[in-house]
C-alpha atoms as a PDB file:
ATOM      1  CA  MET A   1     -54.739  13.917  -8.414  1.00  0.00           C
ATOM      2  CA  GLN A   2     -54.153  10.865  -6.240  1.00  0.00           C
ATOM      3  CA  ILE A   3     -51.303   9.676  -8.459  1.00  0.00           C
ATOM      4  CA  LEU A   4     -49.616  13.078  -8.188  1.00  0.00           C
ATOM      5  CA  SER A   5     -49.863  13.123  -4.399  1.00  0.00           C
ATOM      6  CA  ILE A   6     -48.545   9.546  -4.177  1.00  0.00           C
ATOM      7  CA  ALA A   7     -45.640  10.467  -6.467  1.00  0.00           C
ATOM      8  CA  LEU A   8     -44.796  13.515  -4.332  1.00  0.00           C
ATOM      9  CA  PHE A   9     -44.992  11.427  -1.147  1.00  0.00           C
ATOM     10  CA  LEU A  10     -42.725   8.715  -2.591  1.00  0.00           C
ATOM     11  CA  THR A  11     -40.231  11.321  -3.824  1.00  0.00           C
ATOM     12  CA  ALA A  12     -40.079  12.965  -0.402  1.00  0.00           C
ATOM     13  CA  PHE A  13     -39.844   9.590   1.344  1.00  0.00           C
ATOM     14  CA  LEU A  14     -37.056   8.279  -0.880  1.00  0.00           C
ATOM     15  CA  SER A  15     -35.036  11.495  -0.662  1.00  0.00           C
ATOM     16  CA  ALA A  16     -35.088  11.223   3.140  1.00  0.00           C
ATOM     17  CA  CYS A  17     -33.427   7.784   2.914  1.00  0.00           C
ATOM     18  CA  THR A  18     -30.294   8.839   1.061  1.00  0.00           C
ATOM     19  CA  PRO A  19     -27.119   7.257   2.455  1.00  0.00           C
ATOM     20  CA  THR A  20     -24.508   9.547   3.966  1.00  0.00           C
ATOM     21  CA  VAL A  21     -20.780   9.001   4.377  1.00  0.00           C
ATOM     22  CA  GLN A  22     -18.937  10.689   7.220  1.00  0.00           C
ATOM     23  CA  LEU A  23     -15.178  10.807   7.639  1.00  0.00           C
ATOM     24  CA  GLN A  24     -13.744  11.719  10.999  1.00  0.00           C
ATOM     25  CA  ALA A  25     -10.142  12.025  12.068  1.00  0.00           C
ATOM     26  CA  PRO A  26      -9.197   9.793  15.004  1.00  0.00           C
ATOM     27  CA  ASP A  27      -8.871  11.373  18.442  1.00  0.00           C
ATOM     28  CA  LYS A  28      -5.391   9.942  18.964  1.00  0.00           C
ATOM     29  CA  PRO A  29      -2.588  10.112  16.389  1.00  0.00           C
ATOM     30  CA  ILE A  30      -1.858   6.989  14.390  1.00  0.00           C
ATOM     31  CA  GLU A  31       1.103   5.144  15.892  1.00  0.00           C
ATOM     32  CA  ILE A  32       3.204   2.723  13.865  1.00  0.00           C
ATOM     33  CA  ASN A  33       5.796   0.624  15.656  1.00  0.00           C
ATOM     34  CA  LEU A  34       8.396  -0.961  13.427  1.00  0.00           C
ATOM     35  CA  ASN A  35      10.763  -3.322  15.134  1.00  0.00           C
ATOM     36  CA  VAL A  36      12.883  -4.411  12.216  1.00  0.00           C
ATOM     37  CA  ASN A  37      16.303  -6.009  12.345  1.00  0.00           C
ATOM     38  CA  ILE A  38      18.063  -6.248   9.017  1.00  0.00           C
ATOM     39  CA  GLU A  39      21.159  -8.370   8.772  1.00  0.00           C
ATOM     40  CA  GLN A  40      23.007  -9.050   5.594  1.00  0.00           C
ATOM     41  CA  HIS A  41      25.867 -11.452   5.105  1.00  0.00           C
ATOM     42  CA  ILE A  42      27.637 -11.624   1.784  1.00  0.00           C
ATOM     43  CA  LYS A  43      30.159 -14.353   1.157  1.00  0.00           C
ATOM     44  CA  VAL A  44      32.128 -14.481  -2.062  1.00  0.00           C
ATOM     45  CA  GLU A  45      34.474 -17.321  -2.828  1.00  0.00           C
ATOM     46  CA  ILE A  46      36.634 -17.373  -5.929  1.00  0.00           C
ATOM     47  CA  GLN A  47      38.674 -20.369  -6.882  1.00  0.00           C
ATOM     48  CA  LYS A  48      42.401 -19.869  -7.226  1.00  0.00           C
ATOM     49  CA  ASP A  49      42.437 -20.400 -11.002  1.00  0.00           C
ATOM     50  CA  VAL A  50      39.791 -17.711 -11.434  1.00  0.00           C
ATOM     51  CA  GLN A  51      41.794 -15.355  -9.224  1.00  0.00           C
ATOM     52  CA  GLN A  52      44.843 -15.976 -11.377  1.00  0.00           C
ATOM     53  CA  ALA A  53      42.882 -15.355 -14.567  1.00  0.00           C
ATOM     54  CA  ILE A  54      41.605 -12.066 -13.198  1.00  0.00           C
ATOM     55  CA  ALA A  55      45.134 -11.080 -12.146  1.00  0.00           C
ATOM     56  CA  LYS A  56      46.515 -11.885 -15.625  1.00  0.00           C
ATOM     57  CA  ASN A  57      43.716 -10.124 -17.542  1.00  0.00           C
ATOM     58  CA  PRO A  58      42.463  -7.177 -15.475  1.00  0.00           C
ATOM     59  CA  ASP A  59      40.972  -5.527 -18.577  1.00  0.00           C
ATOM     60  CA  VAL A  60      38.487  -8.339 -19.053  1.00  0.00           C
ATOM     61  CA  PHE A  61      36.449  -7.365 -16.005  1.00  0.00           C
END
């Protein structure tokens, strides 16, 4: 009888210690500031002989 009462007590005690997870939305909205500057510089240099080859054979490219 004692073992049964101890088992019931331990079961009740352990079930009271179960972890809980709570998720709450923040009071203020989430604010994301993106200060992004994107600059792109493309420089293409073709030597004169390559330019002439392209002009002579436009079907190649």
